[in-house]
C-alpha atoms as a PDB file:
ATOM      1  CA  MET A   1     -16.397 -59.539 131.725  1.00  0.00           C
ATOM      2  CA  ILE A   2     -14.382 -61.390 129.063  1.00  0.00           C
ATOM      3  CA  ASN A   3     -17.110 -64.016 128.741  1.00  0.00           C
ATOM      4  CA  ARG A   4     -19.746 -61.300 128.277  1.00  0.00           C
ATOM      5  CA  SER A   5     -17.640 -59.310 125.832  1.00  0.00           C
ATOM      6  CA  GLU A   6     -17.345 -59.611 122.064  1.00  0.00           C
ATOM      7  CA  ALA A   7     -13.747 -60.863 122.381  1.00  0.00           C
ATOM      8  CA  ASP A   8     -13.203 -63.909 120.186  1.00  0.00           C
ATOM      9  CA  TRP A   9     -10.293 -65.423 122.129  1.00  0.00           C
ATOM     10  CA  LEU A  10      -8.412 -64.995 125.392  1.00  0.00           C
ATOM     11  CA  HIS A  11      -4.681 -64.498 124.787  1.00  0.00           C
ATOM     12  CA  PHE A  12      -2.258 -65.700 127.486  1.00  0.00           C
ATOM     13  CA  ASP A  13       1.252 -64.221 127.540  1.00  0.00           C
ATOM     14  CA  VAL A  14       3.423 -66.786 129.320  1.00  0.00           C
ATOM     15  CA  MET A  15       6.914 -65.497 130.240  1.00  0.00           C
ATOM     16  CA  ASP A  16       9.766 -67.383 131.879  1.00  0.00           C
ATOM     17  CA  GLY A  17      12.197 -64.618 132.859  1.00  0.00           C
ATOM     18  CA  MET A  18      14.812 -66.164 130.551  1.00  0.00           C
ATOM     19  CA  PHE A  19      13.585 -65.705 126.964  1.00  0.00           C
ATOM     20  CA  VAL A  20      12.116 -62.347 128.021  1.00  0.00           C
ATOM     21  CA  PRO A  21      13.082 -60.246 131.066  1.00  0.00           C
ATOM     22  CA  ASN A  22       9.869 -60.825 132.978  1.00  0.00           C
ATOM     23  CA  ILE A  23       7.892 -63.642 134.585  1.00  0.00           C
ATOM     24  CA  SER A  24       4.123 -63.813 134.191  1.00  0.00           C
ATOM     25  CA  PHE A  25       2.300 -66.983 135.287  1.00  0.00           C
ATOM     26  CA  GLY A  26       2.202 -70.699 134.660  1.00  0.00           C
ATOM     27  CA  PHE A  27      -0.174 -73.627 134.493  1.00  0.00           C
ATOM     28  CA  PRO A  28      -1.939 -73.223 137.866  1.00  0.00           C
ATOM     29  CA  VAL A  29      -3.202 -69.780 136.811  1.00  0.00           C
ATOM     30  CA  MET A  30      -4.018 -70.883 133.254  1.00  0.00           C
ATOM     31  CA  GLU A  31      -5.890 -73.955 134.523  1.00  0.00           C
ATOM     32  CA  ALA A  32      -7.946 -71.810 136.906  1.00  0.00           C
ATOM     33  CA  VAL A  33      -8.845 -69.357 134.133  1.00  0.00           C
ATOM     34  CA  ALA A  34      -9.587 -72.163 131.645  1.00  0.00           C
ATOM     35  CA  LYS A  35     -12.235 -73.552 134.020  1.00  0.00           C
ATOM     36  CA  VAL A  36     -14.279 -70.349 133.891  1.00  0.00           C
ATOM     37  CA  CYS A  37     -13.381 -68.847 130.515  1.00  0.00           C
ATOM     38  CA  GLU A  38     -15.866 -69.527 127.726  1.00  0.00           C
ATOM     39  CA  LYS A  39     -13.572 -68.171 124.994  1.00  0.00           C
ATOM     40  CA  PRO A  40     -10.995 -70.225 123.059  1.00  0.00           C
ATOM     41  CA  LEU A  41      -7.533 -69.933 124.594  1.00  0.00           C
ATOM     42  CA  ASP A  42      -4.604 -68.567 122.556  1.00  0.00           C
ATOM     43  CA  VAL A  43      -1.461 -69.448 124.548  1.00  0.00           C
ATOM     44  CA  HIS A  44       1.603 -67.395 123.582  1.00  0.00           C
ATOM     45  CA  TYR A  45       4.817 -68.803 125.030  1.00  0.00           C
ATOM     46  CA  MET A  46       7.603 -66.271 125.470  1.00  0.00           C
ATOM     47  CA  ILE A  47       9.816 -68.976 126.938  1.00  0.00           C
ATOM     48  CA  GLN A  48      12.815 -71.086 126.090  1.00  0.00           C
ATOM     49  CA  GLN A  49      12.038 -74.501 124.578  1.00  0.00           C
ATOM     50  CA  PRO A  50       8.248 -74.106 124.420  1.00  0.00           C
ATOM     51  CA  GLU A  51       7.951 -77.567 122.873  1.00  0.00           C
ATOM     52  CA  ARG A  52       8.346 -78.987 126.413  1.00  0.00           C
ATOM     53  CA  TYR A  53       4.798 -77.845 127.169  1.00  0.00           C
ATOM     54  CA  ILE A  54       2.843 -79.025 124.123  1.00  0.00           C
ATOM     55  CA  GLN A  55       1.015 -81.844 125.906  1.00  0.00           C
ATOM     56  CA  ALA A  56       0.289 -79.758 129.004  1.00  0.00           C
ATOM     57  CA  THR A  57      -1.079 -76.966 126.809  1.00  0.00           C
ATOM     58  CA  ALA A  58      -3.310 -79.429 124.967  1.00  0.00           C
ATOM     59  CA  ARG A  59      -4.608 -80.781 128.299  1.00  0.00           C
ATOM     60  CA  LEU A  60      -5.439 -77.200 129.253  1.00  0.00           C
ATOM     61  CA  GLY A  61      -7.847 -77.176 126.311  1.00  0.00           C
ATOM     62  CA  ALA A  62      -6.005 -74.478 124.369  1.00  0.00           C
ATOM     63  CA  MET A  63      -7.183 -73.807 120.844  1.00  0.00           C
ATOM     64  CA  MET A  64      -3.875 -72.209 119.740  1.00  0.00           C
ATOM     65  CA  MET A  65      -0.288 -72.634 120.901  1.00  0.00           C
ATOM     66  CA  ASN A  66       2.059 -69.843 119.819  1.00  0.00           C
ATOM     67  CA  VAL A  67       5.824 -70.395 119.860  1.00  0.00           C
ATOM     68  CA  HIS A  68       8.609 -67.961 119.013  1.00  0.00           C
ATOM     69  CA  VAL A  69      10.800 -68.667 115.996  1.00  0.00           C
ATOM     70  CA  GLU A  70      13.722 -67.481 118.122  1.00  0.00           C
ATOM     71  CA  ALA A  71      12.983 -69.979 120.924  1.00  0.00           C
ATOM     72  CA  SER A  72      12.218 -73.182 119.054  1.00  0.00           C
ATOM     73  CA  LEU A  73      15.271 -74.873 117.526  1.00  0.00           C
ATOM     74  CA  HIS A  74      13.280 -77.375 115.429  1.00  0.00           C
ATOM     75  CA  LEU A  75      10.323 -75.212 114.475  1.00  0.00           C
ATOM     76  CA  HIS A  76       8.805 -77.497 111.837  1.00  0.00           C
ATOM     77  CA  ARG A  77       8.811 -80.437 114.264  1.00  0.00           C
ATOM     78  CA  THR A  78       7.263 -78.256 116.965  1.00  0.00           C
ATOM     79  CA  ILE A  79       4.459 -77.182 114.607  1.00  0.00           C
ATOM     80  CA  GLN A  80       3.789 -80.836 113.733  1.00  0.00           C
ATOM     81  CA  GLU A  81       3.705 -81.818 117.416  1.00  0.00           C
ATOM     82  CA  ILE A  82       1.279 -78.980 118.215  1.00  0.00           C
ATOM     83  CA  HIS A  83      -1.012 -80.204 115.424  1.00  0.00           C
ATOM     84  CA  ASP A  84      -0.645 -83.825 116.568  1.00  0.00           C
ATOM     85  CA  ALA A  85      -1.762 -82.710 120.042  1.00  0.00           C
ATOM     86  CA  GLY A  86      -4.993 -81.342 118.526  1.00  0.00           C
ATOM     87  CA  MET A  87      -4.220 -77.614 118.610  1.00  0.00           C
ATOM     88  CA  LYS A  88      -3.648 -74.951 116.006  1.00  0.00           C
ATOM     89  CA  ALA A  89      -0.033 -73.820 115.667  1.00  0.00           C
ATOM     90  CA  GLY A  90       1.023 -70.203 115.854  1.00  0.00           C
ATOM     91  CA  VAL A  91       4.511 -68.940 115.015  1.00  0.00           C
ATOM     92  CA  THR A  92       5.662 -65.705 116.638  1.00  0.00           C
ATOM     93  CA  LEU A  93       8.251 -63.191 115.421  1.00  0.00           C
ATOM     94  CA  ASN A  94      10.009 -60.609 117.595  1.00  0.00           C
ATOM     95  CA  PRO A  95      10.202 -57.049 116.200  1.00  0.00           C
ATOM     96  CA  SER A  96      13.761 -57.548 114.887  1.00  0.00           C
ATOM     97  CA  THR A  97      13.079 -60.959 113.298  1.00  0.00           C
ATOM     98  CA  PRO A  98      12.353 -60.705 109.561  1.00  0.00           C
ATOM     99  CA  VAL A  99       9.307 -62.306 107.972  1.00  0.00           C
ATOM    100  CA  SER A 100      11.657 -64.311 105.736  1.00  0.00           C
ATOM    101  CA  MET A 101      12.533 -66.497 108.753  1.00  0.00           C
ATOM    102  CA  ILE A 102       9.233 -68.361 108.370  1.00  0.00           C
ATOM    103  CA  GLU A 103       9.191 -68.934 104.595  1.00  0.00           C
ATOM    104  CA  ASP A 104       9.811 -72.666 105.060  1.00  0.00           C
ATOM    105  CA  VAL A 105       7.035 -73.192 107.623  1.00  0.00           C
ATOM    106  CA  ILE A 106       4.365 -70.704 106.516  1.00  0.00           C
ATOM    107  CA  ALA A 107       2.340 -73.416 104.772  1.00  0.00           C
ATOM    108  CA  ASP A 108       2.114 -75.369 108.043  1.00  0.00           C
ATOM    109  CA  ALA A 109       1.343 -72.487 110.414  1.00  0.00           C
ATOM    110  CA  ASP A 110      -2.255 -71.628 111.284  1.00  0.00           C
ATOM    111  CA  LEU A 111      -1.314 -68.171 112.523  1.00  0.00           C
ATOM    112  CA  VAL A 112       1.670 -65.827 112.565  1.00  0.00           C
ATOM    113  CA  LEU A 113       1.954 -63.484 115.541  1.00  0.00           C
ATOM    114  CA  LEU A 114       3.980 -60.340 114.975  1.00  0.00           C
ATOM    115  CA  MET A 115       5.217 -58.670 118.125  1.00  0.00           C
ATOM    116  CA  SER A 116       4.777 -54.916 117.723  1.00  0.00           C
ATOM    117  CA  VAL A 117       6.673 -54.205 120.943  1.00  0.00           C
ATOM    118  CA  ASN A 118       9.677 -55.942 122.440  1.00  0.00           C
ATOM    119  CA  PRO A 119       8.196 -58.877 124.352  1.00  0.00           C
ATOM    120  CA  GLY A 120       8.243 -58.974 128.124  1.00  0.00           C
ATOM    121  CA  PHE A 121       6.276 -55.984 129.394  1.00  0.00           C
ATOM    122  CA  GLY A 122       2.833 -54.539 128.747  1.00  0.00           C
ATOM    123  CA  GLY A 123       2.059 -50.927 127.963  1.00  0.00           C
ATOM    124  CA  GLN A 124       4.968 -50.304 125.563  1.00  0.00           C
ATOM    125  CA  LYS A 125       4.954 -47.923 122.622  1.00  0.00           C
ATOM    126  CA  PHE A 126       3.960 -49.448 119.273  1.00  0.00           C
ATOM    127  CA  ILE A 127       6.849 -50.078 116.854  1.00  0.00           C
ATOM    128  CA  GLU A 128       5.877 -48.344 113.595  1.00  0.00           C
ATOM    129  CA  ASN A 129       7.761 -50.766 111.329  1.00  0.00           C
ATOM    130  CA  THR A 130       5.103 -53.345 112.219  1.00  0.00           C
ATOM    131  CA  ILE A 131       2.742 -51.882 109.603  1.00  0.00           C
ATOM    132  CA  ALA A 132       5.218 -52.573 106.787  1.00  0.00           C
ATOM    133  CA  LYS A 133       6.008 -55.971 108.299  1.00  0.00           C
ATOM    134  CA  VAL A 134       2.304 -56.898 108.225  1.00  0.00           C
ATOM    135  CA  ARG A 135       2.216 -56.054 104.521  1.00  0.00           C
ATOM    136  CA  ARG A 136       5.293 -58.212 103.842  1.00  0.00           C
ATOM    137  CA  LEU A 137       3.744 -61.085 105.783  1.00  0.00           C
ATOM    138  CA  ARG A 138       0.434 -60.707 103.935  1.00  0.00           C
ATOM    139  CA  GLN A 139       2.374 -60.979 100.659  1.00  0.00           C
ATOM    140  CA  LEU A 140       4.248 -64.093 101.851  1.00  0.00           C
ATOM    141  CA  ILE A 141       0.967 -65.735 102.870  1.00  0.00           C
ATOM    142  CA  SER A 142      -0.589 -64.889  99.523  1.00  0.00           C
ATOM    143  CA  ASP A 143       2.428 -66.071  97.500  1.00  0.00           C
ATOM    144  CA  SER A 144       2.689 -69.368  99.403  1.00  0.00           C
ATOM    145  CA  GLY A 145      -1.000 -70.231  99.371  1.00  0.00           C
ATOM    146  CA  SER A 146      -0.967 -70.415 103.171  1.00  0.00           C
ATOM    147  CA  ARG A 147      -4.186 -69.893 105.089  1.00  0.00           C
ATOM    148  CA  ALA A 148      -2.405 -68.512 108.170  1.00  0.00           C
ATOM    149  CA  LEU A 149      -4.020 -65.670 110.057  1.00  0.00           C
ATOM    150  CA  ILE A 150      -1.968 -62.607 110.988  1.00  0.00           C
ATOM    151  CA  GLU A 151      -2.066 -61.616 114.654  1.00  0.00           C
ATOM    152  CA  VAL A 152      -0.403 -58.544 116.203  1.00  0.00           C
ATOM    153  CA  ASP A 153       0.388 -58.065 119.882  1.00  0.00           C
ATOM    154  CA  GLY A 154       1.755 -54.919 121.506  1.00  0.00           C
ATOM    155  CA  GLY A 155       0.601 -51.312 121.539  1.00  0.00           C
ATOM    156  CA  VAL A 156      -2.734 -52.205 119.951  1.00  0.00           C
ATOM    157  CA  GLN A 157      -5.104 -49.347 120.774  1.00  0.00           C
ATOM    158  CA  GLY A 158      -7.531 -46.885 119.177  1.00  0.00           C
ATOM    159  CA  GLU A 159      -4.953 -45.227 116.909  1.00  0.00           C
ATOM    160  CA  THR A 160      -2.920 -48.268 115.819  1.00  0.00           C
ATOM    161  CA  ALA A 161      -5.676 -50.877 115.488  1.00  0.00           C
ATOM    162  CA  PRO A 162      -7.393 -49.398 112.370  1.00  0.00           C
ATOM    163  CA  ARG A 163      -4.024 -49.055 110.609  1.00  0.00           C
ATOM    164  CA  LEU A 164      -3.139 -52.653 111.439  1.00  0.00           C
ATOM    165  CA  VAL A 165      -6.450 -53.933 110.090  1.00  0.00           C
ATOM    166  CA  ALA A 166      -6.002 -51.842 106.922  1.00  0.00           C
ATOM    167  CA  ALA A 167      -2.531 -53.390 106.464  1.00  0.00           C
ATOM    168  CA  GLY A 168      -3.990 -56.905 106.615  1.00  0.00           C
ATOM    169  CA  VAL A 169      -4.163 -58.032 110.251  1.00  0.00           C
ATOM    170  CA  ASP A 170      -6.797 -60.656 111.122  1.00  0.00           C
ATOM    171  CA  VAL A 171      -6.390 -60.851 114.923  1.00  0.00           C
ATOM    172  CA  LEU A 172      -5.694 -57.984 117.318  1.00  0.00           C
ATOM    173  CA  VAL A 173      -4.303 -58.667 120.797  1.00  0.00           C
ATOM    174  CA  SER A 174      -4.826 -55.840 123.254  1.00  0.00           C
ATOM    175  CA  GLY A 175      -4.031 -55.885 126.953  1.00  0.00           C
ATOM    176  CA  SER A 176      -3.332 -52.572 128.674  1.00  0.00           C
ATOM    177  CA  TYR A 177      -5.665 -50.631 126.357  1.00  0.00           C
ATOM    178  CA  ILE A 178      -8.582 -52.857 127.411  1.00  0.00           C
ATOM    179  CA  PHE A 179      -7.811 -53.676 131.017  1.00  0.00           C
ATOM    180  CA  LYS A 180      -6.793 -50.155 132.060  1.00  0.00           C
ATOM    181  CA  SER A 181      -9.960 -48.743 130.543  1.00  0.00           C
ATOM    182  CA  THR A 182     -12.963 -47.791 132.638  1.00  0.00           C
ATOM    183  CA  ALA A 183     -15.200 -49.429 130.004  1.00  0.00           C
ATOM    184  CA  PRO A 184     -13.335 -52.565 128.811  1.00  0.00           C
ATOM    185  CA  GLU A 185     -16.339 -54.161 127.091  1.00  0.00           C
ATOM    186  CA  GLU A 186     -16.870 -50.997 125.030  1.00  0.00           C
ATOM    187  CA  ILE A 187     -13.188 -50.946 124.025  1.00  0.00           C
ATOM    188  CA  ILE A 188     -13.462 -54.594 122.946  1.00  0.00           C
ATOM    189  CA  HIS A 189     -16.603 -53.698 120.974  1.00  0.00           C
ATOM    190  CA  GLN A 190     -14.767 -50.863 119.184  1.00  0.00           C
ATOM    191  CA  LEU A 191     -11.850 -53.121 118.276  1.00  0.00           C
ATOM    192  CA  LYS A 192     -14.196 -55.882 117.133  1.00  0.00           C
ATOM    193  CA  ALA A 193     -16.061 -53.391 114.904  1.00  0.00           C
ATOM    194  CA  LEU A 194     -12.895 -52.775 112.880  1.00  0.00           C
END
């Protein structure tokens, strides 16, 4: 269904039960999906020390590796290593982490992922402050000359998605809204049409 759909990427949420209070899946599952998925892979690590998995993620064939500001002690080095491994580098911010935390790496990031729910569980209620945060991030990108895309993950559905796009979001990540739908390809089409 994903291959047939208008989805541009497949977003993996990888959780370790330490950085976030849940465990999702690891490389055996991602490798199995990568063999059949025709979409570029966007791997979002909600784990401690994500830099340990840069080479393994590159071998997976991932297009994008997303790491949390809060989980990567030497963020600039991690971004460089992701690029050196042949992937695009995404930097992720939790809801309570201000946009100002990435001022010194924004020029090097290919994408900034704003979490619009507290990471760890699907199906949560959208955090309204995300709209204002998107606008602040859009301003930072503009002021710095960065070419980073803005991605939002969490509570993205029919009501929030148009407001996010209007605020300046480039990439929408939607899980429960799509996969709990009786017509997931149609939901993807509606989101893509925004």
